[in-house]
All heavy atoms as atom14 arrays in JSON, in Angstrom:
{
  "sequence": "HSVLCKRVATYLWPGNTQVIARAAAHDLHEAYTGDIPGPAKNHLGAFR",
  "atom14_mask": [
    [1, 1, 1, 1, 1, 1, 1, 1, 1, 1, 0, 0, 0, 0],
    [1, 1, 1, 1, 1, 1, 0, 0, 0, 0, 0, 0, 0, 0],
    [1, 1, 1, 1, 1, 1, 1, 0, 0, 0, 0, 0, 0, 0],
    [1, 1, 1, 1, 1, 1, 1, 1, 0, 0, 0, 0, 0, 0],
    [1, 1, 1, 1, 1, 1, 0, 0, 0, 0, 0, 0, 0, 0],
    [1, 1, 1, 1, 1, 1, 1, 1, 1, 0, 0, 0, 0, 0],
    [1, 1, 1, 1, 1, 1, 1, 1, 1, 1, 1, 0, 0, 0],
    [1, 1, 1, 1, 1, 1, 1, 0, 0, 0, 0, 0, 0, 0],
    [1, 1, 1, 1, 1, 0, 0, 0, 0, 0, 0, 0, 0, 0],
    [1, 1, 1, 1, 1, 1, 1, 0, 0, 0, 0, 0, 0, 0],
    [1, 1, 1, 1, 1, 1, 1, 1, 1, 1, 1, 1, 0, 0],
    [1, 1, 1, 1, 1, 1, 1, 1, 0, 0, 0, 0, 0, 0],
    [1, 1, 1, 1, 1, 1, 1, 1, 1, 1, 1, 1, 1, 1],
    [1, 1, 1, 1, 1, 1, 1, 0, 0, 0, 0, 0, 0, 0],
    [1, 1, 1, 1, 0, 0, 0, 0, 0, 0, 0, 0, 0, 0],
    [1, 1, 1, 1, 1, 1, 1, 1, 0, 0, 0, 0, 0, 0],
    [1, 1, 1, 1, 1, 1, 1, 0, 0, 0, 0, 0, 0, 0],
    [1, 1, 1, 1, 1, 1, 1, 1, 1, 0, 0, 0, 0, 0],
    [1, 1, 1, 1, 1, 1, 1, 0, 0, 0, 0, 0, 0, 0],
    [1, 1, 1, 1, 1, 1, 1, 1, 0, 0, 0, 0, 0, 0],
    [1, 1, 1, 1, 1, 0, 0, 0, 0, 0, 0, 0, 0, 0],
    [1, 1, 1, 1, 1, 1, 1, 1, 1, 1, 1, 0, 0, 0],
    [1, 1, 1, 1, 1, 0, 0, 0, 0, 0, 0, 0, 0, 0],
    [1, 1, 1, 1, 1, 0, 0, 0, 0, 0, 0, 0, 0, 0],
    [1, 1, 1, 1, 1, 0, 0, 0, 0, 0, 0, 0, 0, 0],
    [1, 1, 1, 1, 1, 1, 1, 1, 1, 1, 0, 0, 0, 0],
    [1, 1, 1, 1, 1, 1, 1, 1, 0, 0, 0, 0, 0, 0],
    [1, 1, 1, 1, 1, 1, 1, 1, 0, 0, 0, 0, 0, 0],
    [1, 1, 1, 1, 1, 1, 1, 1, 1, 1, 0, 0, 0, 0],
    [1, 1, 1, 1, 1, 1, 1, 1, 1, 0, 0, 0, 0, 0],
    [1, 1, 1, 1, 1, 0, 0, 0, 0, 0, 0, 0, 0, 0],
    [1, 1, 1, 1, 1, 1, 1, 1, 1, 1, 1, 1, 0, 0],
    [1, 1, 1, 1, 1, 1, 1, 0, 0, 0, 0, 0, 0, 0],
    [1, 1, 1, 1, 0, 0, 0, 0, 0, 0, 0, 0, 0, 0],
    [1, 1, 1, 1, 1, 1, 1, 1, 0, 0, 0, 0, 0, 0],
    [1, 1, 1, 1, 1, 1, 1, 1, 0, 0, 0, 0, 0, 0],
    [1, 1, 1, 1, 1, 1, 1, 0, 0, 0, 0, 0, 0, 0],
    [1, 1, 1, 1, 0, 0, 0, 0, 0, 0, 0, 0, 0, 0],
    [1, 1, 1, 1, 1, 1, 1, 0, 0, 0, 0, 0, 0, 0],
    [1, 1, 1, 1, 1, 0, 0, 0, 0, 0, 0, 0, 0, 0],
    [1, 1, 1, 1, 1, 1, 1, 1, 1, 0, 0, 0, 0, 0],
    [1, 1, 1, 1, 1, 1, 1, 1, 0, 0, 0, 0, 0, 0],
    [1, 1, 1, 1, 1, 1, 1, 1, 1, 1, 0, 0, 0, 0],
    [1, 1, 1, 1, 1, 1, 1, 1, 0, 0, 0, 0, 0, 0],
    [1, 1, 1, 1, 0, 0, 0, 0, 0, 0, 0, 0, 0, 0],
    [1, 1, 1, 1, 1, 0, 0, 0, 0, 0, 0, 0, 0, 0],
    [1, 1, 1, 1, 1, 1, 1, 1, 1, 1, 1, 0, 0, 0],
    [1, 1, 1, 1, 1, 1, 1, 1, 1, 1, 1, 0, 0, 0]
  ],
  "atom14_positions": [
    [[121.02, 148.43, 205.05], [121.86, 149.07, 206.07], [121.14, 150.35, 206.41], [120.97, 150.71, 207.62], [123.25, 149.25, 205.69], [124.02, 150.19, 206.64], [124.45, 149.76, 207.88], [124.35, 151.46, 206.54], [125.06, 150.72, 208.49], [125.06, 151.78, 207.7], [0.0, 0.0, 0.0], [0.0, 0.0, 0.0], [0.0, 0.0, 0.0], [0.0, 0.0, 0.0]],
    [[120.73, 151.12, 205.42], [120.09, 152.45, 205.63], [118.79, 152.26, 206.42], [118.47, 153.07, 207.29], [119.88, 153.13, 204.36], [121.1, 153.39, 203.65], [0.0, 0.0, 0.0], [0.0, 0.0, 0.0], [0.0, 0.0, 0.0], [0.0, 0.0, 0.0], [0.0, 0.0, 0.0], [0.0, 0.0, 0.0], [0.0, 0.0, 0.0], [0.0, 0.0, 0.0]],
    [[118.05, 151.28, 206.06], [116.73, 151.04, 206.73], [117.0, 150.6, 208.13], [116.24, 150.99, 209.1], [115.87, 150.02, 205.98], [114.68, 149.57, 206.75], [115.45, 150.58, 204.63], [0.0, 0.0, 0.0], [0.0, 0.0, 0.0], [0.0, 0.0, 0.0], [0.0, 0.0, 0.0], [0.0, 0.0, 0.0], [0.0, 0.0, 0.0], [0.0, 0.0, 0.0]],
    [[117.99, 149.75, 208.34], [118.31, 149.3, 209.68], [118.7, 150.48, 210.59], [118.21, 150.65, 211.73], [119.49, 148.31, 209.64], [120.09, 147.84, 211.01], [119.03, 147.22, 211.84], [121.24, 146.88, 210.74], [0.0, 0.0, 0.0], [0.0, 0.0, 0.0], [0.0, 0.0, 0.0], [0.0, 0.0, 0.0], [0.0, 0.0, 0.0], [0.0, 0.0, 0.0]],
    [[119.52, 151.43, 210.07], [119.88, 152.63, 210.84], [118.64, 153.5, 211.11], [118.55, 154.0, 212.23], [120.97, 153.41, 210.01], [122.56, 152.67, 210.0], [0.0, 0.0, 0.0], [0.0, 0.0, 0.0], [0.0, 0.0, 0.0], [0.0, 0.0, 0.0], [0.0, 0.0, 0.0], [0.0, 0.0, 0.0], [0.0, 0.0, 0.0], [0.0, 0.0, 0.0]],
    [[117.82, 153.61, 210.19], [116.58, 154.43, 210.32], [115.71, 153.82, 211.49], [115.15, 154.55, 212.29], [115.82, 154.46, 208.98], [114.52, 155.25, 209.02], [113.34, 154.3, 209.2], [112.05, 155.04, 209.43], [110.89, 154.11, 209.68], [0.0, 0.0, 0.0], [0.0, 0.0, 0.0], [0.0, 0.0, 0.0], [0.0, 0.0, 0.0], [0.0, 0.0, 0.0]],
    [[115.58, 152.51, 211.45], [114.8, 151.86, 212.47], [115.36, 151.93, 213.85], [114.67, 152.03, 214.86], [114.46, 150.39, 212.04], [113.59, 150.31, 210.85], [113.3, 148.86, 210.39], [112.47, 148.88, 209.19], [112.06, 147.75, 208.54], [112.41, 146.52, 209.08], [111.33, 147.82, 207.44], [0.0, 0.0, 0.0], [0.0, 0.0, 0.0], [0.0, 0.0, 0.0]],
    [[116.63, 151.83, 213.9], [117.4, 152.0, 215.18], [117.19, 153.44, 215.7], [116.94, 153.64, 216.88], [118.88, 151.7, 215.05], [119.64, 152.09, 216.31], [119.11, 150.2, 214.76], [0.0, 0.0, 0.0], [0.0, 0.0, 0.0], [0.0, 0.0, 0.0], [0.0, 0.0, 0.0], [0.0, 0.0, 0.0], [0.0, 0.0, 0.0], [0.0, 0.0, 0.0]],
    [[117.26, 154.38, 214.85], [117.08, 155.79, 215.22], [115.69, 156.02, 215.73], [115.43, 156.77, 216.7], [117.39, 156.76, 213.99], [0.0, 0.0, 0.0], [0.0, 0.0, 0.0], [0.0, 0.0, 0.0], [0.0, 0.0, 0.0], [0.0, 0.0, 0.0], [0.0, 0.0, 0.0], [0.0, 0.0, 0.0], [0.0, 0.0, 0.0], [0.0, 0.0, 0.0]],
    [[114.71, 155.39, 215.03], [113.3, 155.55, 215.42], [113.06, 154.98, 216.82], [112.33, 155.49, 217.63], [112.37, 154.84, 214.42], [112.61, 155.44, 213.1], [110.93, 154.98, 214.82], [0.0, 0.0, 0.0], [0.0, 0.0, 0.0], [0.0, 0.0, 0.0], [0.0, 0.0, 0.0], [0.0, 0.0, 0.0], [0.0, 0.0, 0.0], [0.0, 0.0, 0.0]],
    [[113.77, 153.87, 217.15], [113.69, 153.24, 218.43], [114.31, 154.07, 219.53], [113.77, 154.25, 220.62], [114.35, 151.86, 218.41], [114.56, 151.15, 219.74], [113.44, 150.54, 220.43], [115.78, 151.13, 220.33], [113.66, 149.95, 221.63], [115.99, 150.51, 221.54], [114.97, 149.89, 222.15], [115.14, 149.32, 223.41], [0.0, 0.0, 0.0], [0.0, 0.0, 0.0]],
    [[115.47, 154.62, 219.25], [116.22, 155.39, 220.28], [115.71, 156.79, 220.45], [115.75, 157.31, 221.54], [117.71, 155.4, 219.83], [118.44, 154.06, 219.89], [119.9, 154.24, 219.35], [118.48, 153.52, 221.31], [0.0, 0.0, 0.0], [0.0, 0.0, 0.0], [0.0, 0.0, 0.0], [0.0, 0.0, 0.0], [0.0, 0.0, 0.0], [0.0, 0.0, 0.0]],
    [[115.35, 157.45, 219.37], [114.88, 158.81, 219.42], [113.54, 159.01, 218.68], [113.44, 159.69, 217.72], [115.93, 159.75, 218.86], [117.16, 159.76, 219.63], [117.37, 160.39, 220.88], [118.41, 159.05, 219.36], [118.66, 160.11, 221.33], [119.27, 159.36, 220.46], [118.84, 158.31, 218.31], [120.6, 158.84, 220.51], [120.16, 157.76, 218.32], [121.0, 158.03, 219.39]],
    [[112.51, 158.37, 219.25], [111.17, 158.39, 218.51], [110.71, 159.91, 218.41], [110.78, 160.66, 219.38], [110.29, 157.64, 219.52], [110.93, 157.63, 220.78], [112.39, 157.6, 220.5], [0.0, 0.0, 0.0], [0.0, 0.0, 0.0], [0.0, 0.0, 0.0], [0.0, 0.0, 0.0], [0.0, 0.0, 0.0], [0.0, 0.0, 0.0], [0.0, 0.0, 0.0]],
    [[110.19, 160.2, 217.24], [109.69, 161.55, 217.06], [110.71, 162.57, 216.6], [110.39, 163.7, 216.27], [0.0, 0.0, 0.0], [0.0, 0.0, 0.0], [0.0, 0.0, 0.0], [0.0, 0.0, 0.0], [0.0, 0.0, 0.0], [0.0, 0.0, 0.0], [0.0, 0.0, 0.0], [0.0, 0.0, 0.0], [0.0, 0.0, 0.0], [0.0, 0.0, 0.0]],
    [[111.98, 162.24, 216.73], [113.06, 163.24, 216.35], [113.3, 163.05, 214.82], [114.12, 162.25, 214.39], [114.32, 162.89, 217.09], [115.37, 164.01, 216.92], [115.49, 164.55, 215.86], [116.11, 164.3, 217.96], [0.0, 0.0, 0.0], [0.0, 0.0, 0.0], [0.0, 0.0, 0.0], [0.0, 0.0, 0.0], [0.0, 0.0, 0.0], [0.0, 0.0, 0.0]],
    [[112.5, 163.74, 214.02], [112.55, 163.52, 212.61], [113.87, 163.84, 211.94], [114.23, 163.21, 210.95], [111.43, 164.36, 211.93], [111.68, 165.79, 212.17], [110.03, 163.99, 212.4], [0.0, 0.0, 0.0], [0.0, 0.0, 0.0], [0.0, 0.0, 0.0], [0.0, 0.0, 0.0], [0.0, 0.0, 0.0], [0.0, 0.0, 0.0], [0.0, 0.0, 0.0]],
    [[114.61, 164.77, 212.49], [115.9, 165.15, 211.91], [116.89, 163.99, 212.07], [117.66, 163.66, 211.17], [116.46, 166.43, 212.52], [115.62, 167.67, 212.1], [115.65, 167.95, 210.64], [116.67, 167.77, 209.94], [114.54, 168.34, 210.1], [0.0, 0.0, 0.0], [0.0, 0.0, 0.0], [0.0, 0.0, 0.0], [0.0, 0.0, 0.0], [0.0, 0.0, 0.0]],
    [[116.97, 163.41, 213.25], [117.9, 162.29, 213.47], [117.47, 161.08, 212.62], [118.29, 160.43, 211.96], [117.93, 161.88, 214.99], [118.66, 160.59, 215.18], [118.5, 163.01, 215.81], [0.0, 0.0, 0.0], [0.0, 0.0, 0.0], [0.0, 0.0, 0.0], [0.0, 0.0, 0.0], [0.0, 0.0, 0.0], [0.0, 0.0, 0.0], [0.0, 0.0, 0.0]],
    [[116.2, 160.79, 212.6], [115.65, 159.64, 211.85], [115.96, 159.81, 210.36], [116.43, 158.89, 209.66], [114.15, 159.42, 212.11], [113.92, 159.04, 213.56], [113.55, 158.38, 211.22], [112.49, 159.1, 214.02], [0.0, 0.0, 0.0], [0.0, 0.0, 0.0], [0.0, 0.0, 0.0], [0.0, 0.0, 0.0], [0.0, 0.0, 0.0], [0.0, 0.0, 0.0]],
    [[115.67, 161.05, 209.84], [115.95, 161.28, 208.38], [117.43, 161.2, 208.06], [117.8, 160.61, 207.03], [115.35, 162.61, 208.02], [0.0, 0.0, 0.0], [0.0, 0.0, 0.0], [0.0, 0.0, 0.0], [0.0, 0.0, 0.0], [0.0, 0.0, 0.0], [0.0, 0.0, 0.0], [0.0, 0.0, 0.0], [0.0, 0.0, 0.0], [0.0, 0.0, 0.0]],
    [[118.23, 161.71, 208.95], [119.71, 161.68, 208.66], [120.22, 160.27, 208.75], [121.09, 159.93, 207.94], [120.47, 162.58, 209.71], [120.32, 164.09, 209.42], [121.35, 164.48, 208.35], [121.21, 165.85, 208.02], [122.05, 166.49, 207.15], [123.03, 165.87, 206.64], [121.83, 167.73, 206.81], [0.0, 0.0, 0.0], [0.0, 0.0, 0.0], [0.0, 0.0, 0.0]],
    [[119.7, 159.5, 209.72], [120.09, 158.1, 209.77], [119.63, 157.34, 208.49], [120.41, 156.49, 207.96], [119.51, 157.45, 210.99], [0.0, 0.0, 0.0], [0.0, 0.0, 0.0], [0.0, 0.0, 0.0], [0.0, 0.0, 0.0], [0.0, 0.0, 0.0], [0.0, 0.0, 0.0], [0.0, 0.0, 0.0], [0.0, 0.0, 0.0], [0.0, 0.0, 0.0]],
    [[118.47, 157.67, 208.01], [117.95, 157.03, 206.82], [118.81, 157.37, 205.57], [119.05, 156.53, 204.69], [116.54, 157.49, 206.59], [0.0, 0.0, 0.0], [0.0, 0.0, 0.0], [0.0, 0.0, 0.0], [0.0, 0.0, 0.0], [0.0, 0.0, 0.0], [0.0, 0.0, 0.0], [0.0, 0.0, 0.0], [0.0, 0.0, 0.0], [0.0, 0.0, 0.0]],
    [[119.34, 158.6, 205.48], [119.94, 159.12, 204.28], [121.48, 159.11, 204.41], [122.18, 159.48, 203.36], [119.45, 160.49, 204.0], [0.0, 0.0, 0.0], [0.0, 0.0, 0.0], [0.0, 0.0, 0.0], [0.0, 0.0, 0.0], [0.0, 0.0, 0.0], [0.0, 0.0, 0.0], [0.0, 0.0, 0.0], [0.0, 0.0, 0.0], [0.0, 0.0, 0.0]],
    [[122.08, 158.73, 205.48], [123.47, 159.06, 205.67], [124.45, 158.35, 204.72], [125.54, 158.77, 204.53], [123.93, 158.68, 207.15], [124.14, 157.2, 207.41], [123.05, 156.33, 207.5], [125.27, 156.49, 207.54], [123.59, 155.12, 207.73], [124.87, 155.19, 207.77], [0.0, 0.0, 0.0], [0.0, 0.0, 0.0], [0.0, 0.0, 0.0], [0.0, 0.0, 0.0]],
    [[123.95, 157.24, 204.13], [124.87, 156.57, 203.16], [124.37, 156.62, 201.67], [124.92, 155.89, 200.86], [125.03, 155.08, 203.54], [126.1, 154.89, 204.59], [126.95, 155.78, 204.79], [126.2, 153.8, 205.21], [0.0, 0.0, 0.0], [0.0, 0.0, 0.0], [0.0, 0.0, 0.0], [0.0, 0.0, 0.0], [0.0, 0.0, 0.0], [0.0, 0.0, 0.0]],
    [[123.38, 157.4, 201.44], [122.82, 157.4, 200.05], [123.82, 157.99, 199.0], [123.8, 157.67, 197.86], [121.53, 158.29, 199.97], [120.37, 157.71, 200.8], [119.13, 158.58, 200.52], [120.09, 156.25, 200.44], [0.0, 0.0, 0.0], [0.0, 0.0, 0.0], [0.0, 0.0, 0.0], [0.0, 0.0, 0.0], [0.0, 0.0, 0.0], [0.0, 0.0, 0.0]],
    [[124.8, 158.73, 199.5], [125.84, 159.28, 198.58], [126.71, 158.11, 198.04], [127.38, 158.26, 196.98], [126.76, 160.23, 199.31], [127.52, 159.59, 200.48], [127.01, 159.38, 201.67], [128.8, 159.14, 200.48], [127.9, 158.78, 202.46], [129.05, 158.57, 201.72], [0.0, 0.0, 0.0], [0.0, 0.0, 0.0], [0.0, 0.0, 0.0], [0.0, 0.0, 0.0]],
    [[126.61, 156.92, 198.63], [127.36, 155.79, 198.16], [126.86, 155.28, 196.8], [127.49, 154.47, 196.17], [127.39, 154.66, 199.22], [128.18, 155.08, 200.43], [128.27, 154.0, 201.52], [127.67, 152.95, 201.34], [128.96, 154.21, 202.57], [0.0, 0.0, 0.0], [0.0, 0.0, 0.0], [0.0, 0.0, 0.0], [0.0, 0.0, 0.0], [0.0, 0.0, 0.0]],
    [[125.71, 155.85, 196.36], [125.28, 155.6, 194.98], [126.28, 156.12, 194.0], [126.4, 155.6, 192.87], [123.9, 156.3, 194.78], [0.0, 0.0, 0.0], [0.0, 0.0, 0.0], [0.0, 0.0, 0.0], [0.0, 0.0, 0.0], [0.0, 0.0, 0.0], [0.0, 0.0, 0.0], [0.0, 0.0, 0.0], [0.0, 0.0, 0.0], [0.0, 0.0, 0.0]],
    [[127.1, 157.08, 194.42], [128.14, 157.63, 193.58], [129.54, 157.19, 193.92], [130.36, 157.0, 193.07], [128.07, 159.2, 193.64], [126.67, 159.69, 193.27], [125.88, 160.31, 194.24], [126.23, 159.58, 192.01], [124.59, 160.72, 193.95], [124.91, 160.04, 191.68], [124.14, 160.6, 192.63], [122.86, 161.03, 192.36], [0.0, 0.0, 0.0], [0.0, 0.0, 0.0]],
    [[129.79, 157.0, 195.23], [131.14, 156.63, 195.68], [131.35, 155.14, 195.81], [132.5, 154.66, 195.86], [131.49, 157.3, 197.0], [130.63, 156.77, 198.02], [131.26, 158.81, 196.92], [0.0, 0.0, 0.0], [0.0, 0.0, 0.0], [0.0, 0.0, 0.0], [0.0, 0.0, 0.0], [0.0, 0.0, 0.0], [0.0, 0.0, 0.0], [0.0, 0.0, 0.0]],
    [[130.25, 154.36, 195.9], [130.37, 152.97, 196.26], [130.51, 152.86, 197.77], [130.76, 153.92, 198.46], [0.0, 0.0, 0.0], [0.0, 0.0, 0.0], [0.0, 0.0, 0.0], [0.0, 0.0, 0.0], [0.0, 0.0, 0.0], [0.0, 0.0, 0.0], [0.0, 0.0, 0.0], [0.0, 0.0, 0.0], [0.0, 0.0, 0.0], [0.0, 0.0, 0.0]],
    [[130.37, 151.69, 198.31], [130.58, 151.42, 199.71], [132.02, 150.91, 199.89], [132.37, 149.74, 199.65], [129.58, 150.39, 200.25], [129.79, 150.11, 201.71], [129.49, 150.99, 202.54], [130.29, 149.05, 202.06], [0.0, 0.0, 0.0], [0.0, 0.0, 0.0], [0.0, 0.0, 0.0], [0.0, 0.0, 0.0], [0.0, 0.0, 0.0], [0.0, 0.0, 0.0]],
    [[132.88, 151.82, 200.35], [134.28, 151.49, 200.52], [134.54, 151.26, 202.04], [134.32, 152.08, 202.85], [135.21, 152.61, 200.08], [134.84, 153.12, 198.67], [136.66, 152.22, 200.18], [134.98, 152.07, 197.64], [0.0, 0.0, 0.0], [0.0, 0.0, 0.0], [0.0, 0.0, 0.0], [0.0, 0.0, 0.0], [0.0, 0.0, 0.0], [0.0, 0.0, 0.0]],
    [[134.97, 150.04, 202.4], [135.31, 149.75, 203.78], [136.27, 150.76, 204.39], [137.21, 151.24, 203.72], [135.96, 148.36, 203.77], [135.35, 147.74, 202.5], [135.31, 148.89, 201.5], [0.0, 0.0, 0.0], [0.0, 0.0, 0.0], [0.0, 0.0, 0.0], [0.0, 0.0, 0.0], [0.0, 0.0, 0.0], [0.0, 0.0, 0.0], [0.0, 0.0, 0.0]],
    [[136.07, 151.09, 205.65], [136.89, 152.05, 206.31], [138.43, 151.83, 206.19], [139.17, 152.8, 205.88], [0.0, 0.0, 0.0], [0.0, 0.0, 0.0], [0.0, 0.0, 0.0], [0.0, 0.0, 0.0], [0.0, 0.0, 0.0], [0.0, 0.0, 0.0], [0.0, 0.0, 0.0], [0.0, 0.0, 0.0], [0.0, 0.0, 0.0], [0.0, 0.0, 0.0]],
    [[138.91, 150.63, 206.35], [140.35, 150.42, 206.2], [140.9, 150.81, 204.8], [142.03, 151.3, 204.69], [140.57, 148.94, 206.46], [139.4, 148.55, 207.36], [138.21, 149.42, 206.82], [0.0, 0.0, 0.0], [0.0, 0.0, 0.0], [0.0, 0.0, 0.0], [0.0, 0.0, 0.0], [0.0, 0.0, 0.0], [0.0, 0.0, 0.0], [0.0, 0.0, 0.0]],
    [[140.03, 150.62, 203.81], [140.5, 151.02, 202.47], [140.6, 152.48, 202.3], [141.5, 153.05, 201.61], [139.53, 150.4, 201.36], [0.0, 0.0, 0.0], [0.0, 0.0, 0.0], [0.0, 0.0, 0.0], [0.0, 0.0, 0.0], [0.0, 0.0, 0.0], [0.0, 0.0, 0.0], [0.0, 0.0, 0.0], [0.0, 0.0, 0.0], [0.0, 0.0, 0.0]],
    [[139.6, 153.21, 202.89], [139.55, 154.68, 202.84], [140.88, 155.25, 203.33], [141.29, 156.37, 202.84], [138.37, 155.22, 203.6], [137.04, 154.86, 202.95], [135.9, 155.46, 203.83], [134.57, 155.0, 203.34], [133.46, 155.5, 204.18], [0.0, 0.0, 0.0], [0.0, 0.0, 0.0], [0.0, 0.0, 0.0], [0.0, 0.0, 0.0], [0.0, 0.0, 0.0]],
    [[141.45, 154.59, 204.32], [142.68, 155.15, 204.91], [143.85, 155.2, 203.97], [144.88, 155.78, 204.19], [143.06, 154.31, 206.1], [142.02, 154.39, 207.27], [141.32, 155.43, 207.34], [141.9, 153.39, 208.08], [0.0, 0.0, 0.0], [0.0, 0.0, 0.0], [0.0, 0.0, 0.0], [0.0, 0.0, 0.0], [0.0, 0.0, 0.0], [0.0, 0.0, 0.0]],
    [[143.71, 154.43, 202.84], [144.8, 154.34, 201.87], [144.44, 155.07, 200.58], [145.13, 154.92, 199.6], [145.09, 152.88, 201.57], [145.6, 152.13, 202.77], [146.88, 152.16, 203.19], [144.92, 151.35, 203.65], [147.04, 151.41, 204.29], [145.81, 150.91, 204.6], [0.0, 0.0, 0.0], [0.0, 0.0, 0.0], [0.0, 0.0, 0.0], [0.0, 0.0, 0.0]],
    [[143.32, 155.8, 200.5], [142.85, 156.43, 199.36], [143.01, 157.93, 199.24], [142.25, 158.62, 198.51], [141.37, 155.97, 199.08], [141.16, 154.5, 198.85], [139.72, 154.19, 198.66], [141.97, 154.07, 197.6], [0.0, 0.0, 0.0], [0.0, 0.0, 0.0], [0.0, 0.0, 0.0], [0.0, 0.0, 0.0], [0.0, 0.0, 0.0], [0.0, 0.0, 0.0]],
    [[143.91, 158.47, 200.0], [144.24, 159.86, 199.94], [143.04, 160.79, 200.04], [142.44, 160.92, 201.11], [0.0, 0.0, 0.0], [0.0, 0.0, 0.0], [0.0, 0.0, 0.0], [0.0, 0.0, 0.0], [0.0, 0.0, 0.0], [0.0, 0.0, 0.0], [0.0, 0.0, 0.0], [0.0, 0.0, 0.0], [0.0, 0.0, 0.0], [0.0, 0.0, 0.0]],
    [[142.69, 161.46, 198.92], [141.66, 162.53, 198.97], [140.23, 161.97, 198.97], [139.28, 162.75, 198.87], [141.82, 163.49, 197.8], [0.0, 0.0, 0.0], [0.0, 0.0, 0.0], [0.0, 0.0, 0.0], [0.0, 0.0, 0.0], [0.0, 0.0, 0.0], [0.0, 0.0, 0.0], [0.0, 0.0, 0.0], [0.0, 0.0, 0.0], [0.0, 0.0, 0.0]],
    [[140.09, 160.67, 199.07], [138.75, 160.02, 198.89], [137.82, 160.56, 199.97], [136.66, 160.89, 199.68], [138.83, 158.55, 198.99], [137.49, 157.9, 198.91], [136.84, 157.64, 197.71], [136.81, 157.52, 200.09], [135.56, 157.06, 197.68], [135.51, 156.97, 200.09], [134.93, 156.68, 198.85], [0.0, 0.0, 0.0], [0.0, 0.0, 0.0], [0.0, 0.0, 0.0]],
    [[138.22, 160.67, 201.22], [137.34, 161.07, 202.3], [136.76, 162.44, 202.04], [135.53, 162.68, 202.36], [138.06, 160.98, 203.62], [138.28, 159.56, 204.12], [138.78, 159.52, 205.6], [139.15, 158.24, 206.01], [138.21, 157.37, 206.56], [136.93, 157.75, 206.64], [138.57, 156.19, 206.96], [0.0, 0.0, 0.0], [0.0, 0.0, 0.0], [0.0, 0.0, 0.0]]
  ]
}
């Protein structure tokens, strides 16, 4: 998913390294939190 987002960012905003890097890294924190579906987050209190 992270690579897909990075490639989409590269297509939409070529040369914008900040957007591309942020798209590449935006979910890396899930190494610690796991990938929790949005509907579940709504029921997890302080999780967000």
